[in-house]
Amino acid sequence: MSIERAYIGLGSNLAEPIMQLRNALTVIAQIPGTHLATVSSLYASDPLGPPDQPRYVNAVAAVDTELAPLQLLEALQAIEQSHGRVRKDERWGPRTLDLDILLFGQRCIDEPRLQVPHYHMHARAFVLYPLAEIAPDLQLPDGRALRSLLDACPYTGLERLPELTVTS
């Protein structure tokens, strides 16, 4: 089976967000057939949804995986659930943990449960800047350079937090 590099967006704004991300990364590193390659710094950002919620803490992780995209998605959703994630109809509401597959190799995936590249990632500073930190020369599946997306997405509202250490 071939190994592909996938990028995972992590976010939390409930129940000690930094701890939530640290714990999630430890579990991601233990997914069978998957190696946690690198992790960005943490970034605090204002919520996209209802304004009456705490700021988010976000990061991006790169993993090398033998899993198929939907298998990786299922593993990530199981991690979310184990961290108390409750899926509601409300978009962009507060959550203990949000794990999104941003990119999976150079694949474009459009399935009911998974869209890759992740929709709207091109307009989300809390995704693009951490991603650029760990993969500055990245080319998206459509040929666009990550650097060009950064030029169109201001850093406004982001705050880089202290380094994150992960134990496996």
C-alpha atoms as a PDB file:
ATOM      1  CA  MET A   1       0.000   0.000   0.000  1.00  0.00           C
ATOM      2  CA  SER A   2       1.282   3.479  -0.807  1.00  0.00           C
ATOM      3  CA  ILE A   3       1.871   6.184   1.780  1.00  0.00           C
ATOM      4  CA  GLU A   4       0.377   9.634   1.257  1.00  0.00           C
ATOM      5  CA  ARG A   5       0.896  12.903   3.076  1.00  0.00           C
ATOM      6  CA  ALA A   6      -2.296  14.334   4.532  1.00  0.00           C
ATOM      7  CA  TYR A   7      -2.747  17.634   6.340  1.00  0.00           C
ATOM      8  CA  ILE A   8      -5.159  17.813   9.251  1.00  0.00           C
ATOM      9  CA  GLY A   9      -6.614  21.003  10.685  1.00  0.00           C
ATOM     10  CA  LEU A  10      -7.147  20.939  14.444  1.00  0.00           C
ATOM     11  CA  GLY A  11      -9.326  23.310  16.428  1.00  0.00           C
ATOM     12  CA  SER A  12     -10.868  23.648  19.869  1.00  0.00           C
ATOM     13  CA  ASN A  13     -12.476  26.366  21.940  1.00  0.00           C
ATOM     14  CA  LEU A  14     -13.916  24.392  24.875  1.00  0.00           C
ATOM     15  CA  ALA A  15     -12.567  22.381  27.818  1.00  0.00           C
ATOM     16  CA  GLU A  16      -8.966  23.618  27.824  1.00  0.00           C
ATOM     17  CA  PRO A  17      -8.327  23.913  24.067  1.00  0.00           C
ATOM     18  CA  ILE A  18      -4.533  23.613  24.233  1.00  0.00           C
ATOM     19  CA  MET A  19      -4.848  20.398  26.216  1.00  0.00           C
ATOM     20  CA  GLN A  20      -7.488  19.127  23.746  1.00  0.00           C
ATOM     21  CA  LEU A  21      -5.117  19.660  20.813  1.00  0.00           C
ATOM     22  CA  ARG A  22      -2.130  18.173  22.615  1.00  0.00           C
ATOM     23  CA  ASN A  23      -4.125  15.066  23.554  1.00  0.00           C
ATOM     24  CA  ALA A  24      -5.584  14.735  20.051  1.00  0.00           C
ATOM     25  CA  LEU A  25      -2.108  14.856  18.496  1.00  0.00           C
ATOM     26  CA  THR A  26      -0.923  12.131  20.848  1.00  0.00           C
ATOM     27  CA  VAL A  27      -3.795   9.914  19.688  1.00  0.00           C
ATOM     28  CA  ILE A  28      -3.325  10.833  16.002  1.00  0.00           C
ATOM     29  CA  ALA A  29       0.288   9.662  16.351  1.00  0.00           C
ATOM     30  CA  GLN A  30      -1.071   6.244  17.396  1.00  0.00           C
ATOM     31  CA  ILE A  31      -3.430   5.689  14.425  1.00  0.00           C
ATOM     32  CA  PRO A  32      -2.340   2.400  12.816  1.00  0.00           C
ATOM     33  CA  GLY A  33      -0.561   2.868   9.503  1.00  0.00           C
ATOM     34  CA  THR A  34      -0.120   6.565  10.177  1.00  0.00           C
ATOM     35  CA  HIS A  35       2.928   8.566  11.227  1.00  0.00           C
ATOM     36  CA  LEU A  36       2.660  12.084  12.677  1.00  0.00           C
ATOM     37  CA  ALA A  37       5.300  13.913  10.621  1.00  0.00           C
ATOM     38  CA  THR A  38       5.122  17.489  11.907  1.00  0.00           C
ATOM     39  CA  VAL A  39       2.855  19.981  13.682  1.00  0.00           C
ATOM     40  CA  SER A  40       2.562  23.737  13.330  1.00  0.00           C
ATOM     41  CA  SER A  41       2.567  26.217  16.151  1.00  0.00           C
ATOM     42  CA  LEU A  42      -0.732  26.946  17.859  1.00  0.00           C
ATOM     43  CA  TYR A  43      -2.747  29.950  16.740  1.00  0.00           C
ATOM     44  CA  ALA A  44      -5.607  31.658  18.566  1.00  0.00           C
ATOM     45  CA  SER A  45      -8.387  33.042  16.377  1.00  0.00           C
ATOM     46  CA  ASP A  46     -11.795  34.600  16.711  1.00  0.00           C
ATOM     47  CA  PRO A  47     -14.730  32.243  16.079  1.00  0.00           C
ATOM     48  CA  LEU A  48     -16.342  32.214  12.637  1.00  0.00           C
ATOM     49  CA  GLY A  49     -19.785  31.432  13.999  1.00  0.00           C
ATOM     50  CA  PRO A  50     -21.760  32.906  16.861  1.00  0.00           C
ATOM     51  CA  PRO A  51     -19.740  35.689  18.523  1.00  0.00           C
ATOM     52  CA  ASP A  52     -20.706  34.657  22.074  1.00  0.00           C
ATOM     53  CA  GLN A  53     -18.161  31.832  22.244  1.00  0.00           C
ATOM     54  CA  PRO A  54     -14.501  31.639  23.282  1.00  0.00           C
ATOM     55  CA  ARG A  55     -11.648  32.138  20.835  1.00  0.00           C
ATOM     56  CA  TYR A  56     -10.406  29.040  19.047  1.00  0.00           C
ATOM     57  CA  VAL A  57      -6.992  27.459  19.272  1.00  0.00           C
ATOM     58  CA  ASN A  58      -5.912  25.988  15.927  1.00  0.00           C
ATOM     59  CA  ALA A  59      -2.981  24.080  14.442  1.00  0.00           C
ATOM     60  CA  VAL A  60      -2.200  21.974  11.385  1.00  0.00           C
ATOM     61  CA  ALA A  61      -0.544  18.553  11.473  1.00  0.00           C
ATOM     62  CA  ALA A  62       1.045  16.611   8.627  1.00  0.00           C
ATOM     63  CA  VAL A  63       0.680  12.841   8.691  1.00  0.00           C
ATOM     64  CA  ASP A  64       2.025  10.154   6.408  1.00  0.00           C
ATOM     65  CA  THR A  65      -0.610   7.462   6.154  1.00  0.00           C
ATOM     66  CA  GLU A  66      -1.329   4.136   4.499  1.00  0.00           C
ATOM     67  CA  LEU A  67      -5.041   4.631   5.193  1.00  0.00           C
ATOM     68  CA  ALA A  68      -7.573   5.504   2.538  1.00  0.00           C
ATOM     69  CA  PRO A  69      -9.120   8.972   2.942  1.00  0.00           C
ATOM     70  CA  LEU A  70     -12.401   7.708   4.450  1.00  0.00           C
ATOM     71  CA  GLN A  71     -10.499   5.418   6.842  1.00  0.00           C
ATOM     72  CA  LEU A  72      -8.495   8.405   8.069  1.00  0.00           C
ATOM     73  CA  LEU A  73     -11.700  10.434   8.395  1.00  0.00           C
ATOM     74  CA  GLU A  74     -13.290   7.680  10.496  1.00  0.00           C
ATOM     75  CA  ALA A  75     -10.228   7.537  12.772  1.00  0.00           C
ATOM     76  CA  LEU A  76     -10.298  11.324  13.218  1.00  0.00           C
ATOM     77  CA  GLN A  77     -14.028  11.367  13.946  1.00  0.00           C
ATOM     78  CA  ALA A  78     -13.528   8.641  16.566  1.00  0.00           C
ATOM     79  CA  ILE A  79     -10.881  10.853  18.203  1.00  0.00           C
ATOM     80  CA  GLU A  80     -13.274  13.821  18.151  1.00  0.00           C
ATOM     81  CA  GLN A  81     -15.972  11.708  19.766  1.00  0.00           C
ATOM     82  CA  SER A  82     -13.606  10.427  22.451  1.00  0.00           C
ATOM     83  CA  HIS A  83     -12.843  14.066  23.282  1.00  0.00           C
ATOM     84  CA  GLY A  84     -16.497  14.887  23.841  1.00  0.00           C
ATOM     85  CA  ARG A  85     -17.317  16.283  20.403  1.00  0.00           C
ATOM     86  CA  VAL A  86     -21.046  16.532  19.867  1.00  0.00           C
ATOM     87  CA  ARG A  87     -22.113  17.112  16.262  1.00  0.00           C
ATOM     88  CA  LYS A  88     -24.982  19.587  16.021  1.00  0.00           C
ATOM     89  CA  ASP A  89     -26.808  21.254  13.169  1.00  0.00           C
ATOM     90  CA  GLU A  90     -25.265  24.589  14.210  1.00  0.00           C
ATOM     91  CA  ARG A  91     -22.302  25.390  11.958  1.00  0.00           C
ATOM     92  CA  TRP A  92     -19.191  26.890  13.487  1.00  0.00           C
ATOM     93  CA  GLY A  93     -20.444  26.604  17.043  1.00  0.00           C
ATOM     94  CA  PRO A  94     -18.256  25.906  20.056  1.00  0.00           C
ATOM     95  CA  ARG A  95     -16.603  22.482  20.256  1.00  0.00           C
ATOM     96  CA  THR A  96     -14.153  20.512  22.295  1.00  0.00           C
ATOM     97  CA  LEU A  97     -12.324  19.231  19.222  1.00  0.00           C
ATOM     98  CA  ASP A  98     -12.557  19.634  15.475  1.00  0.00           C
ATOM     99  CA  LEU A  99     -10.323  17.551  13.177  1.00  0.00           C
ATOM    100  CA  ASP A 100     -10.565  18.206   9.438  1.00  0.00           C
ATOM    101  CA  ILE A 101      -8.697  16.607   6.573  1.00  0.00           C
ATOM    102  CA  LEU A 102      -7.490  19.655   4.654  1.00  0.00           C
ATOM    103  CA  LEU A 103      -5.492  17.887   1.949  1.00  0.00           C
ATOM    104  CA  PHE A 104      -4.827  14.252   1.109  1.00  0.00           C
ATOM    105  CA  GLY A 105      -1.873  13.912  -1.225  1.00  0.00           C
ATOM    106  CA  GLN A 106      -2.779  15.563  -4.506  1.00  0.00           C
ATOM    107  CA  ARG A 107      -6.275  14.120  -4.499  1.00  0.00           C
ATOM    108  CA  CYS A 108      -9.510  15.968  -5.104  1.00  0.00           C
ATOM    109  CA  ILE A 109     -12.295  14.177  -3.239  1.00  0.00           C
ATOM    110  CA  ASP A 110     -15.967  15.078  -3.458  1.00  0.00           C
ATOM    111  CA  GLU A 111     -18.009  12.599  -1.462  1.00  0.00           C
ATOM    112  CA  PRO A 112     -20.955  13.179   0.875  1.00  0.00           C
ATOM    113  CA  ARG A 113     -18.753  12.706   3.974  1.00  0.00           C
ATOM    114  CA  LEU A 114     -15.506  14.213   2.712  1.00  0.00           C
ATOM    115  CA  GLN A 115     -14.490  17.120   0.501  1.00  0.00           C
ATOM    116  CA  VAL A 116     -10.765  17.553  -0.151  1.00  0.00           C
ATOM    117  CA  PRO A 117      -9.266  20.077  -0.461  1.00  0.00           C
ATOM    118  CA  HIS A 118     -11.301  21.217   2.510  1.00  0.00           C
ATOM    119  CA  TYR A 119     -13.925  23.735   1.436  1.00  0.00           C
ATOM    120  CA  HIS A 120     -13.176  27.355   2.350  1.00  0.00           C
ATOM    121  CA  MET A 121      -9.635  26.548   3.501  1.00  0.00           C
ATOM    122  CA  HIS A 122      -8.448  29.107   0.948  1.00  0.00           C
ATOM    123  CA  ALA A 123     -10.138  31.870   2.961  1.00  0.00           C
ATOM    124  CA  ARG A 124      -9.276  30.795   6.506  1.00  0.00           C
ATOM    125  CA  ALA A 125      -6.179  32.387   7.989  1.00  0.00           C
ATOM    126  CA  PHE A 126      -6.278  29.941  10.926  1.00  0.00           C
ATOM    127  CA  VAL A 127      -5.741  27.132   8.392  1.00  0.00           C
ATOM    128  CA  LEU A 128      -3.445  28.743   5.826  1.00  0.00           C
ATOM    129  CA  TYR A 129      -0.830  30.264   8.136  1.00  0.00           C
ATOM    130  CA  PRO A 130      -0.225  27.126  10.233  1.00  0.00           C
ATOM    131  CA  LEU A 131      -0.176  25.079   7.003  1.00  0.00           C
ATOM    132  CA  ALA A 132       2.381  27.440   5.465  1.00  0.00           C
ATOM    133  CA  GLU A 133       4.518  27.118   8.581  1.00  0.00           C
ATOM    134  CA  ILE A 134       4.966  23.363   8.021  1.00  0.00           C
ATOM    135  CA  ALA A 135       4.689  23.228   4.199  1.00  0.00           C
ATOM    136  CA  PRO A 136       5.696  26.630   2.798  1.00  0.00           C
ATOM    137  CA  ASP A 137       6.195  25.406  -0.777  1.00  0.00           C
ATOM    138  CA  LEU A 138       2.986  23.390  -0.952  1.00  0.00           C
ATOM    139  CA  GLN A 139       1.069  23.203  -4.223  1.00  0.00           C
ATOM    140  CA  LEU A 140      -2.652  22.429  -4.019  1.00  0.00           C
ATOM    141  CA  PRO A 141      -4.171  19.747  -6.265  1.00  0.00           C
ATOM    142  CA  ASP A 142      -5.515  22.455  -8.599  1.00  0.00           C
ATOM    143  CA  GLY A 143      -1.982  23.801  -9.128  1.00  0.00           C
ATOM    144  CA  ARG A 144      -2.302  26.913  -6.971  1.00  0.00           C
ATOM    145  CA  ALA A 145       0.621  27.679  -4.707  1.00  0.00           C
ATOM    146  CA  LEU A 146      -0.129  27.995  -1.008  1.00  0.00           C
ATOM    147  CA  ARG A 147       1.806  31.280  -1.078  1.00  0.00           C
ATOM    148  CA  SER A 148      -0.760  32.752  -3.498  1.00  0.00           C
ATOM    149  CA  LEU A 149      -3.580  31.869  -1.096  1.00  0.00           C
ATOM    150  CA  LEU A 150      -1.712  33.594   1.741  1.00  0.00           C
ATOM    151  CA  ASP A 151      -1.446  36.764  -0.342  1.00  0.00           C
ATOM    152  CA  ALA A 152      -5.240  36.883  -0.562  1.00  0.00           C
ATOM    153  CA  CYS A 153      -5.901  36.014   3.107  1.00  0.00           C
ATOM    154  CA  PRO A 154      -4.727  38.533   5.708  1.00  0.00           C
ATOM    155  CA  TYR A 155      -3.187  37.436   8.990  1.00  0.00           C
ATOM    156  CA  THR A 156      -5.711  39.654  10.789  1.00  0.00           C
ATOM    157  CA  GLY A 157      -7.139  38.221  14.015  1.00  0.00           C
ATOM    158  CA  LEU A 158      -4.522  35.475  14.459  1.00  0.00           C
ATOM    159  CA  GLU A 159      -2.252  35.238  17.460  1.00  0.00           C
ATOM    160  CA  ARG A 160       0.634  32.766  17.429  1.00  0.00           C
ATOM    161  CA  LEU A 161       0.869  30.933  20.742  1.00  0.00           C
ATOM    162  CA  PRO A 162       3.848  29.190  22.396  1.00  0.00           C
ATOM    163  CA  GLU A 163       5.199  26.011  20.836  1.00  0.00           C
ATOM    164  CA  LEU A 164       3.284  22.783  21.245  1.00  0.00           C
ATOM    165  CA  THR A 165       5.034  19.633  22.380  1.00  0.00           C
ATOM    166  CA  VAL A 166       3.555  16.255  21.568  1.00  0.00           C
ATOM    167  CA  THR A 167       4.393  12.993  23.233  1.00  0.00           C
ATOM    168  CA  SER A 168       3.717   9.724  21.461  1.00  0.00           C
END
